[in-house]
PDB file of N, CA and C in Angstrom:
ATOM      1  N   MET A   1       2.607   6.196  -5.592  1.00  0.00           N
ATOM      2  CA  MET A   1       1.471   4.865  -5.176  1.00  0.00           C
ATOM      3  C   MET A   1       0.795   5.596  -3.061  1.00  0.00           C
ATOM      4  N   ALA A   2       2.780   6.397  -2.131  1.00  0.00           N
ATOM      5  CA  ALA A   2       3.017   7.034  -1.293  1.00  0.00           C
ATOM      6  C   ALA A   2       2.005   7.986  -1.394  1.00  0.00           C
ATOM      7  N   SER A   3       2.090   9.129  -2.397  1.00  0.00           N
ATOM      8  CA  SER A   3       1.016  10.207  -2.419  1.00  0.00           C
ATOM      9  C   SER A   3      -0.774   9.868  -2.912  1.00  0.00           C
ATOM     10  N   ARG A   4      -0.839   9.197  -3.373  1.00  0.00           N
ATOM     11  CA  ARG A   4      -1.655   8.958  -3.139  1.00  0.00           C
ATOM     12  C   ARG A   4      -2.543   8.529  -2.670  1.00  0.00           C
ATOM     13  N   LEU A   5      -2.046   7.235  -1.952  1.00  0.00           N
ATOM     14  CA  LEU A   5      -2.309   6.838  -0.012  1.00  0.00           C
ATOM     15  C   LEU A   5      -2.794   8.043   0.874  1.00  0.00           C
ATOM     16  N   LEU A   6      -1.468   8.907   0.855  1.00  0.00           N
ATOM     17  CA  LEU A   6      -1.357   9.976   1.332  1.00  0.00           C
ATOM     18  C   LEU A   6      -2.869  11.160   1.191  1.00  0.00           C
ATOM     19  N   LYS A   7      -2.667  11.672   0.181  1.00  0.00           N
ATOM     20  CA  LYS A   7      -3.767  12.795   0.060  1.00  0.00           C
ATOM     21  C   LYS A   7      -5.197  11.695   0.009  1.00  0.00           C
ATOM     22  N   GLN A   8      -5.201  10.796   0.120  1.00  0.00           N
ATOM     23  CA  GLN A   8      -6.698  10.387   0.180  1.00  0.00           C
ATOM     24  C   GLN A   8      -6.939   9.756   1.822  1.00  0.00           C
ATOM     25  N   TYR A   9      -6.327   9.480   2.449  1.00  0.00           N
ATOM     26  CA  TYR A   9      -6.263   8.643   4.161  1.00  0.00           C
ATOM     27  C   TYR A   9      -5.286   9.972   5.221  1.00  0.00           C
ATOM     28  N   LYS A  10      -4.443  11.267   4.993  1.00  0.00           N
ATOM     29  CA  LYS A  10      -4.260  11.756   5.243  1.00  0.00           C
ATOM     30  C   LYS A  10      -4.376  11.651   6.463  1.00  0.00           C
ATOM     31  N   GLN A  11      -5.630  11.663   6.979  1.00  0.00           N
ATOM     32  CA  GLN A  11      -6.004  11.602   8.243  1.00  0.00           C
ATOM     33  C   GLN A  11      -6.367  10.764   9.764  1.00  0.00           C
ATOM     34  N   ARG A  12      -6.188   9.571   8.707  1.00  0.00           N
ATOM     35  CA  ARG A  12      -5.369   8.391   8.736  1.00  0.00           C
ATOM     36  C   ARG A  12      -4.452   7.964   9.104  1.00  0.00           C
ATOM     37  N   ILE A  13      -4.022   7.903   8.207  1.00  0.00           N
ATOM     38  CA  ILE A  13      -2.454   7.387   8.080  1.00  0.00           C
ATOM     39  C   ILE A  13      -1.856   8.183   9.107  1.00  0.00           C
ATOM     40  N   GLU A  14      -0.827   7.000  10.330  1.00  0.00           N
ATOM     41  CA  GLU A  14       0.116   7.663  11.347  1.00  0.00           C
ATOM     42  C   GLU A  14       1.064   7.953  10.813  1.00  0.00           C
ATOM     43  N   SER A  15       1.405   6.600   9.792  1.00  0.00           N
ATOM     44  CA  SER A  15       2.621   6.792   9.234  1.00  0.00           C
ATOM     45  C   SER A  15       2.900   5.874   8.506  1.00  0.00           C
ATOM     46  N   LEU A  16       4.112   6.818   7.362  1.00  0.00           N
ATOM     47  CA  LEU A  16       4.459   5.736   6.008  1.00  0.00           C
ATOM     48  C   LEU A  16       5.701   5.790   5.844  1.00  0.00           C
ATOM     49  N   GLU A  17       6.392   4.529   5.770  1.00  0.00           N
ATOM     50  CA  GLU A  17       7.740   4.141   5.125  1.00  0.00           C
ATOM     51  C   GLU A  17       7.851   3.386   4.206  1.00  0.00           C
ATOM     52  N   LEU A  18       8.615   4.468   3.382  1.00  0.00           N
ATOM     53  CA  LEU A  18       8.987   3.595   2.061  1.00  0.00           C
ATOM     54  C   LEU A  18      10.514   3.141   2.088  1.00  0.00           C
ATOM     55  N   VAL A  19      10.989   2.181   1.524  1.00  0.00           N
ATOM     56  CA  VAL A  19      11.858   1.096   1.869  1.00  0.00           C
ATOM     57  C   VAL A  19      12.086   0.508   0.440  1.00  0.00           C
ATOM     58  N   PRO A  20      12.907   1.364  -0.046  1.00  0.00           N
ATOM     59  CA  PRO A  20      13.686   1.178  -1.547  1.00  0.00           C
ATOM     60  C   PRO A  20      14.240   0.285  -1.423  1.00  0.00           C
ATOM     61  N   SER A  21      14.156  -0.561  -2.678  1.00  0.00           N
ATOM     62  CA  SER A  21      14.977  -1.769  -3.596  1.00  0.00           C
ATOM     63  C   SER A  21      15.509  -1.627  -4.842  1.00  0.00           C
ATOM     64  N   SER A  22      15.409  -3.251  -4.621  1.00  0.00           N
ATOM     65  CA  SER A  22      16.309  -3.000  -6.198  1.00  0.00           C
ATOM     66  C   SER A  22      15.045  -4.724  -6.420  1.00  0.00           C
ATOM     67  N   GLY A  23      15.199  -5.386  -8.143  1.00  0.00           N
ATOM     68  CA  GLY A  23      14.894  -6.611  -8.624  1.00  0.00           C
ATOM     69  C   GLY A  23      13.613  -6.149  -8.734  1.00  0.00           C
ATOM     70  N   GLY A  24      12.358  -5.104  -8.917  1.00  0.00           N
ATOM     71  CA  GLY A  24      11.244  -5.426  -9.035  1.00  0.00           C
ATOM     72  C   GLY A  24      10.289  -5.138  -7.807  1.00  0.00           C
ATOM     73  N   CYS A  25      10.781  -5.482  -6.595  1.00  0.00           N
ATOM     74  CA  CYS A  25      10.160  -5.408  -5.254  1.00  0.00           C
ATOM     75  C   CYS A  25       9.305  -4.195  -5.169  1.00  0.00           C
ATOM     76  N   PHE A  26       7.465  -4.359  -5.181  1.00  0.00           N
ATOM     77  CA  PHE A  26       6.734  -3.782  -4.941  1.00  0.00           C
ATOM     78  C   PHE A  26       6.044  -4.374  -3.494  1.00  0.00           C
ATOM     79  N   GLU A  27       6.187  -4.675  -2.579  1.00  0.00           N
ATOM     80  CA  GLU A  27       5.292  -4.741  -1.568  1.00  0.00           C
ATOM     81  C   GLU A  27       4.341  -3.707  -0.560  1.00  0.00           C
ATOM     82  N   LEU A  28       3.134  -3.960  -0.278  1.00  0.00           N
ATOM     83  CA  LEU A  28       2.419  -3.231   0.444  1.00  0.00           C
ATOM     84  C   LEU A  28       1.438  -3.637   1.633  1.00  0.00           C
ATOM     85  N   SER A  29       2.128  -3.284   2.586  1.00  0.00           N
ATOM     86  CA  SER A  29       1.568  -3.722   4.645  1.00  0.00           C
ATOM     87  C   SER A  29       1.136  -2.703   4.842  1.00  0.00           C
ATOM     88  N   LEU A  30      -0.064  -3.189   5.292  1.00  0.00           N
ATOM     89  CA  LEU A  30      -0.812  -2.084   6.535  1.00  0.00           C
ATOM     90  C   LEU A  30      -0.502  -3.089   8.350  1.00  0.00           C
ATOM     91  N   ASP A  31      -0.044  -2.454   8.636  1.00  0.00           N
ATOM     92  CA  ASP A  31       0.228  -2.477  10.375  1.00  0.00           C
ATOM     93  C   ASP A  31       0.722  -4.161  10.283  1.00  0.00           C
ATOM     94  N   ASP A  32       1.801  -4.554   9.610  1.00  0.00           N
ATOM     95  CA  ASP A  32       2.299  -5.349   8.861  1.00  0.00           C
ATOM     96  C   ASP A  32       1.902  -7.078   8.705  1.00  0.00           C
ATOM     97  N   ASP A  33       0.548  -6.410   7.910  1.00  0.00           N
ATOM     98  CA  ASP A  33      -0.258  -7.279   7.113  1.00  0.00           C
ATOM     99  C   ASP A  33       0.416  -7.247   6.298  1.00  0.00           C
ATOM    100  N   LEU A  34       0.719  -8.138   5.285  1.00  0.00           N
ATOM    101  CA  LEU A  34       0.950  -8.108   3.289  1.00  0.00           C
ATOM    102  C   LEU A  34      -0.635  -8.011   2.472  1.00  0.00           C
ATOM    103  N   ILE A  35      -0.118  -6.720   2.255  1.00  0.00           N
ATOM    104  CA  ILE A  35      -2.112  -6.110   1.505  1.00  0.00           C
ATOM    105  C   ILE A  35      -1.308  -6.722  -0.004  1.00  0.00           C
ATOM    106  N   TYR A  36      -0.420  -6.726  -0.704  1.00  0.00           N
ATOM    107  CA  TYR A  36       0.013  -6.616  -2.287  1.00  0.00           C
ATOM    108  C   TYR A  36       1.713  -6.642  -2.096  1.00  0.00           C
ATOM    109  N   SER A  37       1.963  -8.525  -3.019  1.00  0.00           N
ATOM    110  CA  SER A  37       3.148  -8.474  -3.095  1.00  0.00           C
ATOM    111  C   SER A  37       2.978  -8.601  -4.971  1.00  0.00           C
ATOM    112  N   LYS A  38       4.594  -7.747  -5.513  1.00  0.00           N
ATOM    113  CA  LYS A  38       4.530  -7.811  -6.605  1.00  0.00           C
ATOM    114  C   LYS A  38       5.782  -9.269  -7.265  1.00  0.00           C
ATOM    115  N   LEU A  39       6.283  -9.313  -6.425  1.00  0.00           N
ATOM    116  CA  LEU A  39       6.770 -10.829  -5.811  1.00  0.00           C
ATOM    117  C   LEU A  39       6.078 -11.643  -6.132  1.00  0.00           C
ATOM    118  N   ARG A  40       5.045 -11.747  -5.484  1.00  0.00           N
ATOM    119  CA  ARG A  40       4.078 -12.990  -5.695  1.00  0.00           C
ATOM    120  C   ARG A  40       3.768 -13.370  -6.990  1.00  0.00           C
ATOM    121  N   THR A  41       2.570 -11.684  -7.417  1.00  0.00           N
ATOM    122  CA  THR A  41       1.970 -11.772  -8.806  1.00  0.00           C
ATOM    123  C   THR A  41       2.405 -11.702  -9.968  1.00  0.00           C
ATOM    124  N   GLY A  42       3.546 -10.999  -9.976  1.00  0.00           N
ATOM    125  CA  GLY A  42       4.395 -10.737 -10.723  1.00  0.00           C
ATOM    126  C   GLY A  42       4.474  -9.981 -11.428  1.00  0.00           C
ATOM    127  N   GLU A  43       3.129  -8.735 -11.434  1.00  0.00           N
ATOM    128  CA  GLU A  43       2.892  -7.669 -12.220  1.00  0.00           C
ATOM    129  C   GLU A  43       2.650  -6.496 -10.656  1.00  0.00           C
ATOM    130  N   PHE A  44       2.379  -5.615 -11.812  1.00  0.00           N
ATOM    131  CA  PHE A  44       2.686  -4.444 -10.903  1.00  0.00           C
ATOM    132  C   PHE A  44       1.361  -4.070 -10.613  1.00  0.00           C
ATOM    133  N   PRO A  45       1.050  -3.615  -9.216  1.00  0.00           N
ATOM    134  CA  PRO A  45      -0.600  -2.967  -8.896  1.00  0.00           C
ATOM    135  C   PRO A  45      -1.181  -2.376  -9.309  1.00  0.00           C
ATOM    136  N   ASP A  46      -2.820  -2.607  -9.488  1.00  0.00           N
ATOM    137  CA  ASP A  46      -3.354  -1.029  -9.766  1.00  0.00           C
ATOM    138  C   ASP A  46      -3.523  -0.106  -8.425  1.00  0.00           C
ATOM    139  N   GLU A  47      -3.423   1.069  -8.227  1.00  0.00           N
ATOM    140  CA  GLU A  47      -2.893   1.592  -7.414  1.00  0.00           C
ATOM    141  C   GLU A  47      -4.715   1.586  -7.157  1.00  0.00           C
ATOM    142  N   ALA A  48      -5.088   2.472  -8.023  1.00  0.00           N
ATOM    143  CA  ALA A  48      -6.743   2.302  -7.136  1.00  0.00           C
ATOM    144  C   ALA A  48      -7.407   1.319  -6.761  1.00  0.00           C
ATOM    145  N   LYS A  49      -6.854   0.175  -7.042  1.00  0.00           N
ATOM    146  CA  LYS A  49      -7.394  -0.812  -6.604  1.00  0.00           C
ATOM    147  C   LYS A  49      -6.696  -1.307  -5.431  1.00  0.00           C
ATOM    148  N   LEU A  50      -5.185  -0.769  -5.019  1.00  0.00           N
ATOM    149  CA  LEU A  50      -5.243  -0.966  -4.037  1.00  0.00           C
ATOM    150  C   LEU A  50      -5.422   0.167  -2.877  1.00  0.00           C
ATOM    151  N   THR A  51      -5.395   1.497  -3.592  1.00  0.00           N
ATOM    152  CA  THR A  51      -5.855   2.590  -2.356  1.00  0.00           C
ATOM    153  C   THR A  51      -7.074   2.151  -1.973  1.00  0.00           C
ATOM    154  N   LYS A  52      -8.082   1.773  -2.592  1.00  0.00           N
ATOM    155  CA  LYS A  52      -9.524   1.553  -2.080  1.00  0.00           C
ATOM    156  C   LYS A  52      -9.602   0.454  -0.900  1.00  0.00           C
ATOM    157  N   GLN A  53      -8.468  -0.497  -1.282  1.00  0.00           N
ATOM    158  CA  GLN A  53      -8.430  -1.653  -0.499  1.00  0.00           C
ATOM    159  C   GLN A  53      -7.691  -1.017   0.933  1.00  0.00           C
ATOM    160  N   VAL A  54      -6.973  -0.280   0.843  1.00  0.00           N
ATOM    161  CA  VAL A  54      -6.261   0.635   2.604  1.00  0.00           C
ATOM    162  C   VAL A  54      -7.271   0.859   2.899  1.00  0.00           C
ATOM    163  N   GLY A  55      -8.389   2.027   1.763  1.00  0.00           N
ATOM    164  CA  GLY A  55      -9.184   2.584   2.600  1.00  0.00           C
ATOM    165  C   GLY A  55     -10.287   1.483   3.714  1.00  0.00           C
ATOM    166  N   GLN A  56     -10.892   0.634   3.151  1.00  0.00           N
ATOM    167  CA  GLN A  56     -11.877  -0.823   3.524  1.00  0.00           C
ATOM    168  C   GLN A  56     -10.924  -1.055   4.651  1.00  0.00           C
ATOM    169  N   LEU A  57      -9.236  -1.165   4.640  1.00  0.00           N
ATOM    170  CA  LEU A  57      -8.917  -2.214   6.176  1.00  0.00           C
ATOM    171  C   LEU A  57      -9.195  -0.782   7.176  1.00  0.00           C
ATOM    172  N   LEU A  58      -8.696   0.310   6.607  1.00  0.00           N
ATOM    173  CA  LEU A  58      -8.495   1.604   7.602  1.00  0.00           C
ATOM    174  C   LEU A  58      -9.767   1.448   8.425  1.00  0.00           C
ATOM    175  N   VAL A  59     -10.883   1.975   7.980  1.00  0.00           N
ATOM    176  CA  VAL A  59     -12.383   1.354   8.203  1.00  0.00           C
ATOM    177  C   VAL A  59     -12.414   0.881   9.452  1.00  0.00           C
ATOM    178  N   ASN A  60     -12.266  -0.249   8.705  1.00  0.00           N
ATOM    179  CA  ASN A  60     -12.845  -1.464  10.121  1.00  0.00           C
ATOM    180  C   ASN A  60     -11.377  -1.788  11.309  1.00  0.00           C
ATOM    181  N   LYS A  61     -10.755  -1.136  11.489  1.00  0.00           N
ATOM    182  CA  LYS A  61      -9.211  -0.888  12.461  1.00  0.00           C
ATOM    183  C   LYS A  61     -10.071   0.351  13.427  1.00  0.00           C
TER     184      LYS A  61
END
């Protein structure tokens, strides 16, 4: 997921932080706003959908 985001939006992303975790935790935030939480949905995210959503949020900033 991180490599996909950087490849697509490398000119717009100032920094990217990966935080290792255990227990199936996968969360994606943009500027402290939670975009996706596997802990809430119980499902692994659709990378294409989340990449598109991040792009839309970056355009609106």
